[in-house]
Amino acid sequence: MTSPPQRWARAERLDATRTPDALRARTGVRLTFDRPCPGGQVGTAYVRWPDQRRSVLKWRPHSRAADLETGPLTVSRVLRQAGCPAPATELVAQVDSASTAGKRTRG
């Protein structure tokens, strides 16, 4: 007996030109789109802060920023405190029905 094949929902693409504008309206922080992340990652993009630091902008559709704070961001924070090289999240905001986060990159 076999199970019917599962139909996975198609990943939703980050609108890398609209999301930084929506973040600025929500937080006052002006991020500018730098380039898409490599490897077909549709939910992330490289952005620049006003001082030209580069970050990865991550978008989680149908999620709440509060859940991001109490879940994966807390785990990353604890890992960093234990000496693991987990990236620091510099900005988290709720934009429409998605949570967005800006994570520091190397260099």
C-alpha atoms as a PDB file:
ATOM      1  CA  MET A   1       0.000   0.000   0.000  1.00  0.00           C
ATOM      2  CA  THR A   2       1.425   3.392  -0.948  1.00  0.00           C
ATOM      3  CA  SER A   3       0.516   6.851   0.228  1.00  0.00           C
ATOM      4  CA  PRO A   4      -0.533   9.476  -2.275  1.00  0.00           C
ATOM      5  CA  PRO A   5       2.280  11.909  -3.121  1.00  0.00           C
ATOM      6  CA  GLN A   6       2.340  15.017  -0.908  1.00  0.00           C
ATOM      7  CA  ARG A   7       1.830  18.336  -2.594  1.00  0.00           C
ATOM      8  CA  TRP A   8       4.153  20.894  -1.045  1.00  0.00           C
ATOM      9  CA  ALA A   9       3.219  24.547  -1.210  1.00  0.00           C
ATOM     10  CA  ARG A  10       5.453  26.552  -3.495  1.00  0.00           C
ATOM     11  CA  ALA A  11       7.909  28.746  -1.578  1.00  0.00           C
ATOM     12  CA  GLU A  12       6.899  32.385  -1.580  1.00  0.00           C
ATOM     13  CA  ARG A  13       9.421  34.807  -3.054  1.00  0.00           C
ATOM     14  CA  LEU A  14      10.691  37.800  -1.073  1.00  0.00           C
ATOM     15  CA  ASP A  15       9.872  41.053  -2.865  1.00  0.00           C
ATOM     16  CA  ALA A  16      13.343  42.499  -2.318  1.00  0.00           C
ATOM     17  CA  THR A  17      12.414  45.929  -3.654  1.00  0.00           C
ATOM     18  CA  ARG A  18       9.178  46.398  -1.691  1.00  0.00           C
ATOM     19  CA  THR A  19      10.170  44.823   1.627  1.00  0.00           C
ATOM     20  CA  PRO A  20      12.963  47.319   2.513  1.00  0.00           C
ATOM     21  CA  ASP A  21      10.487  50.166   1.874  1.00  0.00           C
ATOM     22  CA  ALA A  22       7.883  48.480   4.075  1.00  0.00           C
ATOM     23  CA  LEU A  23      10.505  47.983   6.802  1.00  0.00           C
ATOM     24  CA  ARG A  24      11.456  51.670   6.623  1.00  0.00           C
ATOM     25  CA  ALA A  25       7.809  52.682   6.980  1.00  0.00           C
ATOM     26  CA  ARG A  26       7.445  50.339   9.958  1.00  0.00           C
ATOM     27  CA  THR A  27      10.786  50.897  11.756  1.00  0.00           C
ATOM     28  CA  GLY A  28      12.414  54.024  10.294  1.00  0.00           C
ATOM     29  CA  VAL A  29      15.473  51.972   9.278  1.00  0.00           C
ATOM     30  CA  ARG A  30      16.509  52.505   5.656  1.00  0.00           C
ATOM     31  CA  LEU A  31      17.849  49.289   4.107  1.00  0.00           C
ATOM     32  CA  THR A  32      18.676  49.179   0.406  1.00  0.00           C
ATOM     33  CA  PHE A  33      18.570  46.100  -1.806  1.00  0.00           C
ATOM     34  CA  ASP A  34      22.085  44.945  -2.724  1.00  0.00           C
ATOM     35  CA  ARG A  35      21.555  41.694  -4.635  1.00  0.00           C
ATOM     36  CA  PRO A  36      19.732  38.369  -4.462  1.00  0.00           C
ATOM     37  CA  CYS A  37      21.271  35.616  -2.361  1.00  0.00           C
ATOM     38  CA  PRO A  38      22.859  32.850  -4.450  1.00  0.00           C
ATOM     39  CA  GLY A  39      21.629  29.324  -4.841  1.00  0.00           C
ATOM     40  CA  GLY A  40      17.962  29.944  -5.554  1.00  0.00           C
ATOM     41  CA  GLN A  41      17.099  31.155  -2.054  1.00  0.00           C
ATOM     42  CA  VAL A  42      13.771  32.864  -2.723  1.00  0.00           C
ATOM     43  CA  GLY A  43      13.111  34.094   0.840  1.00  0.00           C
ATOM     44  CA  THR A  44      16.344  36.060   1.326  1.00  0.00           C
ATOM     45  CA  ALA A  45      18.314  38.921  -0.220  1.00  0.00           C
ATOM     46  CA  TYR A  46      21.431  40.914   0.592  1.00  0.00           C
ATOM     47  CA  VAL A  47      20.706  44.455   1.790  1.00  0.00           C
ATOM     48  CA  ARG A  48      22.864  47.393   2.905  1.00  0.00           C
ATOM     49  CA  TRP A  49      22.418  49.515   6.022  1.00  0.00           C
ATOM     50  CA  PRO A  50      22.924  53.303   5.830  1.00  0.00           C
ATOM     51  CA  ASP A  51      26.578  52.813   6.927  1.00  0.00           C
ATOM     52  CA  GLN A  52      27.022  50.293   4.043  1.00  0.00           C
ATOM     53  CA  ARG A  53      27.227  47.188   6.258  1.00  0.00           C
ATOM     54  CA  ARG A  54      25.751  44.217   4.440  1.00  0.00           C
ATOM     55  CA  SER A  55      23.082  41.973   5.942  1.00  0.00           C
ATOM     56  CA  VAL A  56      20.870  39.159   4.820  1.00  0.00           C
ATOM     57  CA  LEU A  57      17.218  40.132   4.819  1.00  0.00           C
ATOM     58  CA  LYS A  58      15.134  37.080   5.630  1.00  0.00           C
ATOM     59  CA  TRP A  59      11.398  36.904   5.108  1.00  0.00           C
ATOM     60  CA  ARG A  60       9.054  34.408   6.729  1.00  0.00           C
ATOM     61  CA  PRO A  61       5.584  34.583   5.217  1.00  0.00           C
ATOM     62  CA  HIS A  62       2.614  33.735   7.427  1.00  0.00           C
ATOM     63  CA  SER A  63       4.620  34.092  10.641  1.00  0.00           C
ATOM     64  CA  ARG A  64       4.713  36.432  13.606  1.00  0.00           C
ATOM     65  CA  ALA A  65       7.770  38.407  14.687  1.00  0.00           C
ATOM     66  CA  ALA A  66       7.007  37.466  18.308  1.00  0.00           C
ATOM     67  CA  ASP A  67       7.310  33.767  17.410  1.00  0.00           C
ATOM     68  CA  LEU A  68      10.614  34.444  15.672  1.00  0.00           C
ATOM     69  CA  GLU A  69      11.893  36.239  18.801  1.00  0.00           C
ATOM     70  CA  THR A  70      10.901  33.448  21.183  1.00  0.00           C
ATOM     71  CA  GLY A  71      12.020  30.622  18.903  1.00  0.00           C
ATOM     72  CA  PRO A  72      14.910  30.673  16.414  1.00  0.00           C
ATOM     73  CA  LEU A  73      16.350  34.028  17.508  1.00  0.00           C
ATOM     74  CA  THR A  74      16.606  32.883  21.108  1.00  0.00           C
ATOM     75  CA  VAL A  75      18.351  29.691  19.982  1.00  0.00           C
ATOM     76  CA  SER A  76      20.841  31.723  17.895  1.00  0.00           C
ATOM     77  CA  ARG A  77      21.488  34.071  20.825  1.00  0.00           C
ATOM     78  CA  VAL A  78      22.202  31.155  23.184  1.00  0.00           C
ATOM     79  CA  LEU A  79      24.478  29.507  20.613  1.00  0.00           C
ATOM     80  CA  ARG A  80      26.459  32.746  20.165  1.00  0.00           C
ATOM     81  CA  GLN A  81      26.828  33.072  23.948  1.00  0.00           C
ATOM     82  CA  ALA A  82      28.232  29.521  23.982  1.00  0.00           C
ATOM     83  CA  GLY A  83      30.817  30.481  21.350  1.00  0.00           C
ATOM     84  CA  CYS A  84      29.129  29.129  18.221  1.00  0.00           C
ATOM     85  CA  PRO A  85      29.459  31.314  15.118  1.00  0.00           C
ATOM     86  CA  ALA A  86      25.740  32.015  14.651  1.00  0.00           C
ATOM     87  CA  PRO A  87      24.893  35.334  12.933  1.00  0.00           C
ATOM     88  CA  ALA A  88      23.453  38.167  15.014  1.00  0.00           C
ATOM     89  CA  THR A  89      20.004  39.423  14.095  1.00  0.00           C
ATOM     90  CA  GLU A  90      19.982  43.211  14.040  1.00  0.00           C
ATOM     91  CA  LEU A  91      16.381  43.955  13.130  1.00  0.00           C
ATOM     92  CA  VAL A  92      13.083  42.082  13.428  1.00  0.00           C
ATOM     93  CA  ALA A  93       9.745  43.508  12.361  1.00  0.00           C
ATOM     94  CA  GLN A  94       6.257  42.409  11.421  1.00  0.00           C
ATOM     95  CA  VAL A  95       5.409  43.464   7.864  1.00  0.00           C
ATOM     96  CA  ASP A  96       1.893  42.511   6.856  1.00  0.00           C
ATOM     97  CA  SER A  97       1.480  38.761   7.433  1.00  0.00           C
ATOM     98  CA  ALA A  98       5.219  38.075   7.457  1.00  0.00           C
ATOM     99  CA  SER A  99       8.064  38.571   9.864  1.00  0.00           C
ATOM    100  CA  THR A 100      11.328  39.933   8.512  1.00  0.00           C
ATOM    101  CA  ALA A 101      14.780  39.854  10.025  1.00  0.00           C
ATOM    102  CA  GLY A 102      18.102  41.451   9.096  1.00  0.00           C
ATOM    103  CA  LYS A 103      21.064  39.250  10.002  1.00  0.00           C
ATOM    104  CA  ARG A 104      24.641  40.454  10.052  1.00  0.00           C
ATOM    105  CA  THR A 105      26.977  38.941   7.474  1.00  0.00           C
ATOM    106  CA  ARG A 106      30.730  38.543   7.629  1.00  0.00           C
ATOM    107  CA  GLY A 107      32.841  41.366   6.252  1.00  0.00           C
END
